[in-house]
Every structure is written in C-alpha cells, then in structure tokens.
C-alpha cells in the first residue's frame, strides 16, 4: 500500500512540474527589456502581449492601456495603484500597458515609473500597427486611451474611459 501511495505521489509531483513547465513555456519572450536605475520594463509586440489578456486562472486581471503623454491616463494611475495595493491579497493583478513610443521608453517611461513609484506591473507594447491589434483587444475599442480590460477566465469587460477609484473598485467587484 505504501508503494502505491508513493507512486501516486510521484506521479502527482511530476504532473505538477509538467504543468508548471507548460505554463512557463507559454510565457512570451519580450522583444526587449529596458532597464534604468533598478527599474525594468519588458517590451512586447501584440502577439507577446496577447497572453496577458487571455489567462485562464483564478486571478482577476485589470489591464490598463495608457501612455505618459496622455493626461487622463496619468491622472487615473493612482486609482489603479490603490486598487493594486487594496486587492493584492484577493487575487487581483493590475497590469499597466504603456503604449509610449519605443524611443520614449528610456527617456520618459522608466523615469515616470520611478518618479511615481509605480508598484503595479508595467509592460510596454511595441507594435506600431495598431489597426491590426486594437480590435483584438476589444471589437468596440476606437483606439483612444485610457482603455481598460477587466477579466477573470471567461468574464470580461472593456472600458474606454477614465476611472475614479470607486468606479474601478465597483467594476472589479463584479468580476471577483
């Protein structure tokens, strides 16, 4: 009996390691990783970023498209940061997708992250053919920012607007 239990435990361990390896293999490789003063940002084309919009686990994802040059985007960032801090123990993950121009990442984006002490995950979308990926994010998206996708597995909402913290919290709680 002990041998059977040991064998089953070994199979389970191997199976879990195999699942973790599959998940690691699915993670896209960034086009580039920008680094400056202990701040780093991975840069993806849309096919690399798309993985972040389709995860099928028990986490609620809040994916905000923004840029350092977009005033309404910058004004709402503290609300995403507050959401990230408030819900960190409730399986909510905030991902800030910068669409800053690639030539601005080192001179504007990295210093912005440092100066504003952003704690949420920040990634950079480097795919100049917006017409090819905007509708893949959401068919109703005009391309204006800020824009946010909130999802958990098959529950998904898209918003092309700025958020107050209260509005953001209300929408996240609909998905939790």
C-alpha atoms as a PDB file:
ATOM      1  CA  UNK A   1       0.000   0.000   0.000  1.00  0.00           C
ATOM      2  CA  UNK A   2       2.846   2.406   0.863  1.00  0.00           C
ATOM      3  CA  UNK A   3       4.422   1.748  -2.544  1.00  0.00           C
ATOM      4  CA  UNK A   4       1.165   2.608  -4.333  1.00  0.00           C
ATOM      5  CA  UNK A   5       0.777   5.825  -2.348  1.00  0.00           C
ATOM      6  CA  UNK A   6       4.430   6.733  -3.016  1.00  0.00           C
ATOM      7  CA  UNK A   7       3.963   6.033  -6.715  1.00  0.00           C
ATOM      8  CA  UNK A   8       0.806   8.172  -6.828  1.00  0.00           C
ATOM      9  CA  UNK A   9       2.604  10.991  -5.023  1.00  0.00           C
ATOM     10  CA  UNK A  10       5.483  10.795  -7.506  1.00  0.00           C
ATOM     11  CA  UNK A  11       3.061  10.905 -10.447  1.00  0.00           C
ATOM     12  CA  UNK A  12       1.359  13.947  -8.921  1.00  0.00           C
ATOM     13  CA  UNK A  13       4.681  15.742  -8.409  1.00  0.00           C
ATOM     14  CA  UNK A  14       5.807  15.026 -11.967  1.00  0.00           C
ATOM     15  CA  UNK A  15       2.410  16.124 -13.270  1.00  0.00           C
ATOM     16  CA  UNK A  16       2.584  19.423 -11.346  1.00  0.00           C
ATOM     17  CA  UNK A  17       6.125  20.086 -12.569  1.00  0.00           C
ATOM     18  CA  UNK A  18       4.980  19.346 -16.104  1.00  0.00           C
ATOM     19  CA  UNK A  19       2.064  21.810 -15.770  1.00  0.00           C
ATOM     20  CA  UNK A  20       4.392  24.498 -14.380  1.00  0.00           C
ATOM     21  CA  UNK A  21       6.794  23.903 -17.261  1.00  0.00           C
ATOM     22  CA  UNK A  22       3.939  24.213 -19.784  1.00  0.00           C
ATOM     23  CA  UNK A  23       2.851  27.496 -18.190  1.00  0.00           C
ATOM     24  CA  UNK A  24       6.442  28.772 -18.252  1.00  0.00           C
ATOM     25  CA  UNK A  25       6.734  27.799 -21.921  1.00  0.00           C
ATOM     26  CA  UNK A  26       3.577  29.748 -22.732  1.00  0.00           C
ATOM     27  CA  UNK A  27       5.001  32.947 -21.244  1.00  0.00           C
ATOM     28  CA  UNK A  28       6.092  35.081 -24.191  1.00  0.00           C
ATOM     29  CA  UNK A  29       9.613  36.304 -24.605  1.00  0.00           C
ATOM     30  CA  UNK A  30       9.812  40.103 -24.702  1.00  0.00           C
ATOM     31  CA  UNK A  31      11.221  41.874 -27.739  1.00  0.00           C
ATOM     32  CA  UNK A  32      13.431  43.805 -25.351  1.00  0.00           C
ATOM     33  CA  UNK A  33      13.802  44.556 -21.657  1.00  0.00           C
ATOM     34  CA  UNK A  34      14.561  48.180 -20.844  1.00  0.00           C
ATOM     35  CA  UNK A  35      16.482  48.846 -17.610  1.00  0.00           C
ATOM     36  CA  UNK A  36      17.489  52.002 -15.827  1.00  0.00           C
ATOM     37  CA  UNK A  37      18.203  52.655 -12.143  1.00  0.00           C
ATOM     38  CA  UNK A  38      16.696  49.369 -10.887  1.00  0.00           C
ATOM     39  CA  UNK A  39      13.541  49.863 -12.982  1.00  0.00           C
ATOM     40  CA  UNK A  40      12.877  47.403 -15.772  1.00  0.00           C
ATOM     41  CA  UNK A  41      10.098  47.120 -18.326  1.00  0.00           C
ATOM     42  CA  UNK A  42       9.535  44.283 -20.754  1.00  0.00           C
ATOM     43  CA  UNK A  43       8.519  45.329 -24.252  1.00  0.00           C
ATOM     44  CA  UNK A  44       6.271  43.095 -26.374  1.00  0.00           C
ATOM     45  CA  UNK A  45       4.654  43.130 -29.765  1.00  0.00           C
ATOM     46  CA  UNK A  46       0.927  42.369 -29.644  1.00  0.00           C
ATOM     47  CA  UNK A  47       1.346  38.617 -30.091  1.00  0.00           C
ATOM     48  CA  UNK A  48       3.534  38.613 -26.963  1.00  0.00           C
ATOM     49  CA  UNK A  49       1.176  40.855 -25.031  1.00  0.00           C
ATOM     50  CA  UNK A  50      -1.923  38.896 -26.024  1.00  0.00           C
ATOM     51  CA  UNK A  51      -1.057  36.219 -23.446  1.00  0.00           C
ATOM     52  CA  UNK A  52      -1.684  38.795 -20.693  1.00  0.00           C
ATOM     53  CA  UNK A  53      -5.235  39.294 -21.994  1.00  0.00           C
ATOM     54  CA  UNK A  54      -6.225  35.623 -22.004  1.00  0.00           C
ATOM     55  CA  UNK A  55      -5.051  33.955 -18.803  1.00  0.00           C
ATOM     56  CA  UNK A  56      -7.361  31.217 -17.556  1.00  0.00           C
ATOM     57  CA  UNK A  57      -6.780  31.011 -13.814  1.00  0.00           C
ATOM     58  CA  UNK A  58      -8.475  32.208 -10.628  1.00  0.00           C
ATOM     59  CA  UNK A  59      -6.962  35.708 -10.754  1.00  0.00           C
ATOM     60  CA  UNK A  60      -8.881  38.817 -11.821  1.00  0.00           C
ATOM     61  CA  UNK A  61      -6.805  40.884 -14.258  1.00  0.00           C
ATOM     62  CA  UNK A  62      -7.094  44.629 -14.681  1.00  0.00           C
ATOM     63  CA  UNK A  63      -5.196  45.606 -17.831  1.00  0.00           C
ATOM     64  CA  UNK A  64      -4.955  49.341 -18.454  1.00  0.00           C
ATOM     65  CA  UNK A  65      -3.674  50.804 -21.732  1.00  0.00           C
ATOM     66  CA  UNK A  66      -2.061  54.199 -21.157  1.00  0.00           C
ATOM     67  CA  UNK A  67       0.865  56.472 -22.062  1.00  0.00           C
ATOM     68  CA  UNK A  68       2.979  59.016 -20.199  1.00  0.00           C
ATOM     69  CA  UNK A  69       1.854  61.740 -22.648  1.00  0.00           C
ATOM     70  CA  UNK A  70      -1.870  61.064 -22.023  1.00  0.00           C
ATOM     71  CA  UNK A  71      -3.122  63.446 -19.317  1.00  0.00           C
ATOM     72  CA  UNK A  72      -6.307  61.484 -18.390  1.00  0.00           C
ATOM     73  CA  UNK A  73      -4.215  58.294 -18.260  1.00  0.00           C
ATOM     74  CA  UNK A  74      -1.703  59.804 -15.856  1.00  0.00           C
ATOM     75  CA  UNK A  75      -4.471  61.317 -13.724  1.00  0.00           C
ATOM     76  CA  UNK A  76      -6.145  57.925 -13.201  1.00  0.00           C
ATOM     77  CA  UNK A  77      -2.965  55.915 -12.482  1.00  0.00           C
ATOM     78  CA  UNK A  78      -3.157  56.493  -8.705  1.00  0.00           C
ATOM     79  CA  UNK A  79      -6.548  54.742  -8.773  1.00  0.00           C
ATOM     80  CA  UNK A  80      -5.002  51.647 -10.370  1.00  0.00           C
ATOM     81  CA  UNK A  81      -2.146  51.769  -7.870  1.00  0.00           C
ATOM     82  CA  UNK A  82      -4.627  51.998  -4.997  1.00  0.00           C
ATOM     83  CA  UNK A  83      -6.596  49.076  -6.439  1.00  0.00           C
ATOM     84  CA  UNK A  84      -3.390  47.055  -6.747  1.00  0.00           C
ATOM     85  CA  UNK A  85      -2.496  47.728  -3.093  1.00  0.00           C
ATOM     86  CA  UNK A  86      -6.039  47.229  -1.754  1.00  0.00           C
ATOM     87  CA  UNK A  87      -6.709  43.970  -3.598  1.00  0.00           C
ATOM     88  CA  UNK A  88      -3.252  42.384  -3.631  1.00  0.00           C
ATOM     89  CA  UNK A  89      -4.404  39.603  -1.281  1.00  0.00           C
ATOM     90  CA  UNK A  90      -7.595  38.943  -3.255  1.00  0.00           C
ATOM     91  CA  UNK A  91      -6.021  37.581  -6.446  1.00  0.00           C
ATOM     92  CA  UNK A  92      -6.342  40.807  -8.410  1.00  0.00           C
ATOM     93  CA  UNK A  93      -3.451  41.733 -10.692  1.00  0.00           C
ATOM     94  CA  UNK A  94      -3.079  45.178 -12.235  1.00  0.00           C
ATOM     95  CA  UNK A  95      -1.056  45.370 -15.440  1.00  0.00           C
ATOM     96  CA  UNK A  96      -0.280  48.794 -16.895  1.00  0.00           C
ATOM     97  CA  UNK A  97       0.369  48.549 -20.636  1.00  0.00           C
ATOM     98  CA  UNK A  98       2.289  51.586 -21.838  1.00  0.00           C
ATOM     99  CA  UNK A  99       1.863  52.452 -25.495  1.00  0.00           C
ATOM    100  CA  UNK A 100       4.580  55.095 -25.361  1.00  0.00           C
ATOM    101  CA  UNK A 101       6.708  55.301 -28.486  1.00  0.00           C
ATOM    102  CA  UNK A 102       9.750  52.994 -28.255  1.00  0.00           C
ATOM    103  CA  UNK A 103      12.144  55.952 -28.383  1.00  0.00           C
ATOM    104  CA  UNK A 104      10.423  57.311 -25.213  1.00  0.00           C
ATOM    105  CA  UNK A 105      10.768  54.207 -23.044  1.00  0.00           C
ATOM    106  CA  UNK A 106      14.194  55.020 -21.622  1.00  0.00           C
ATOM    107  CA  UNK A 107      13.778  58.804 -21.528  1.00  0.00           C
ATOM    108  CA  UNK A 108      10.142  59.104 -20.368  1.00  0.00           C
ATOM    109  CA  UNK A 109       8.590  55.789 -19.261  1.00  0.00           C
ATOM    110  CA  UNK A 110      11.326  54.442 -16.976  1.00  0.00           C
ATOM    111  CA  UNK A 111      11.799  57.792 -15.181  1.00  0.00           C
ATOM    112  CA  UNK A 112       7.996  58.125 -14.899  1.00  0.00           C
ATOM    113  CA  UNK A 113       7.737  54.715 -13.204  1.00  0.00           C
ATOM    114  CA  UNK A 114      10.481  55.696 -10.767  1.00  0.00           C
ATOM    115  CA  UNK A 115       9.189  59.223 -10.082  1.00  0.00           C
ATOM    116  CA  UNK A 116       5.626  57.980  -9.478  1.00  0.00           C
ATOM    117  CA  UNK A 117       6.804  54.915  -7.554  1.00  0.00           C
ATOM    118  CA  UNK A 118       4.535  52.599  -9.573  1.00  0.00           C
ATOM    119  CA  UNK A 119       4.149  49.197  -7.918  1.00  0.00           C
ATOM    120  CA  UNK A 120       1.808  47.618 -10.470  1.00  0.00           C
ATOM    121  CA  UNK A 121       3.379  45.582 -13.253  1.00  0.00           C
ATOM    122  CA  UNK A 122       4.231  47.841 -16.198  1.00  0.00           C
ATOM    123  CA  UNK A 123       4.838  46.423 -19.661  1.00  0.00           C
ATOM    124  CA  UNK A 124       5.430  48.211 -22.937  1.00  0.00           C
ATOM    125  CA  UNK A 125       3.527  47.493 -26.132  1.00  0.00           C
ATOM    126  CA  UNK A 126       5.781  47.993 -29.134  1.00  0.00           C
ATOM    127  CA  UNK A 127       3.531  47.228 -32.090  1.00  0.00           C
ATOM    128  CA  UNK A 128       3.122  50.188 -34.439  1.00  0.00           C
ATOM    129  CA  UNK A 129       0.332  48.534 -36.460  1.00  0.00           C
ATOM    130  CA  UNK A 130      -2.451  49.482 -34.025  1.00  0.00           C
ATOM    131  CA  UNK A 131      -5.066  48.767 -36.682  1.00  0.00           C
ATOM    132  CA  UNK A 132      -4.112  45.093 -36.511  1.00  0.00           C
ATOM    133  CA  UNK A 133      -4.438  44.680 -32.735  1.00  0.00           C
ATOM    134  CA  UNK A 134      -6.958  47.213 -31.383  1.00  0.00           C
ATOM    135  CA  UNK A 135      -9.956  45.075 -32.400  1.00  0.00           C
ATOM    136  CA  UNK A 136      -8.260  42.014 -30.920  1.00  0.00           C
ATOM    137  CA  UNK A 137      -8.293  43.715 -27.524  1.00  0.00           C
ATOM    138  CA  UNK A 138     -11.974  44.596 -27.957  1.00  0.00           C
ATOM    139  CA  UNK A 139     -14.120  44.971 -31.057  1.00  0.00           C
ATOM    140  CA  UNK A 140     -15.689  48.170 -29.671  1.00  0.00           C
ATOM    141  CA  UNK A 141     -12.387  49.957 -28.977  1.00  0.00           C
ATOM    142  CA  UNK A 142     -11.860  53.084 -31.086  1.00  0.00           C
ATOM    143  CA  UNK A 143      -8.178  53.122 -30.105  1.00  0.00           C
ATOM    144  CA  UNK A 144      -8.482  56.035 -27.668  1.00  0.00           C
ATOM    145  CA  UNK A 145      -6.756  55.803 -24.286  1.00  0.00           C
ATOM    146  CA  UNK A 146      -7.131  55.308 -21.436  1.00  0.00           C
ATOM    147  CA  UNK A 147      -8.746  51.938 -22.025  1.00  0.00           C
ATOM    148  CA  UNK A 148      -9.098  49.054 -19.594  1.00  0.00           C
ATOM    149  CA  UNK A 149      -9.912  45.366 -19.780  1.00  0.00           C
ATOM    150  CA  UNK A 150     -11.090  43.657 -16.595  1.00  0.00           C
ATOM    151  CA  UNK A 151     -11.377  39.897 -16.795  1.00  0.00           C
ATOM    152  CA  UNK A 152     -11.337  36.601 -14.969  1.00  0.00           C
ATOM    153  CA  UNK A 153     -11.458  33.473 -17.106  1.00  0.00           C
ATOM    154  CA  UNK A 154     -14.472  33.985 -19.410  1.00  0.00           C
ATOM    155  CA  UNK A 155     -15.919  37.045 -17.612  1.00  0.00           C
ATOM    156  CA  UNK A 156     -14.680  40.092 -19.482  1.00  0.00           C
ATOM    157  CA  UNK A 157     -15.480  43.810 -19.591  1.00  0.00           C
ATOM    158  CA  UNK A 158     -13.926  46.576 -21.649  1.00  0.00           C
ATOM    159  CA  UNK A 159     -13.951  50.292 -20.822  1.00  0.00           C
ATOM    160  CA  UNK A 160     -12.773  53.174 -22.972  1.00  0.00           C
ATOM    161  CA  UNK A 161     -12.794  55.793 -20.220  1.00  0.00           C
ATOM    162  CA  UNK A 162     -11.036  57.154 -17.180  1.00  0.00           C
ATOM    163  CA  UNK A 163     -11.813  55.672 -13.769  1.00  0.00           C
ATOM    164  CA  UNK A 164     -12.195  57.016 -10.277  1.00  0.00           C
ATOM    165  CA  UNK A 165     -11.130  54.525  -7.618  1.00  0.00           C
ATOM    166  CA  UNK A 166     -14.749  53.901  -6.639  1.00  0.00           C
ATOM    167  CA  UNK A 167     -15.763  53.141 -10.248  1.00  0.00           C
ATOM    168  CA  UNK A 168     -12.796  50.867 -10.717  1.00  0.00           C
ATOM    169  CA  UNK A 169     -13.464  49.017  -7.481  1.00  0.00           C
ATOM    170  CA  UNK A 170     -17.139  48.560  -8.408  1.00  0.00           C
ATOM    171  CA  UNK A 171     -16.243  47.042 -11.797  1.00  0.00           C
ATOM    172  CA  UNK A 172     -13.601  44.732 -10.298  1.00  0.00           C
ATOM    173  CA  UNK A 173     -16.055  43.516  -7.667  1.00  0.00           C
ATOM    174  CA  UNK A 174     -18.476  42.493 -10.447  1.00  0.00           C
ATOM    175  CA  UNK A 175     -15.842  40.044 -11.687  1.00  0.00           C
ATOM    176  CA  UNK A 176     -14.492  38.793  -8.326  1.00  0.00           C
END
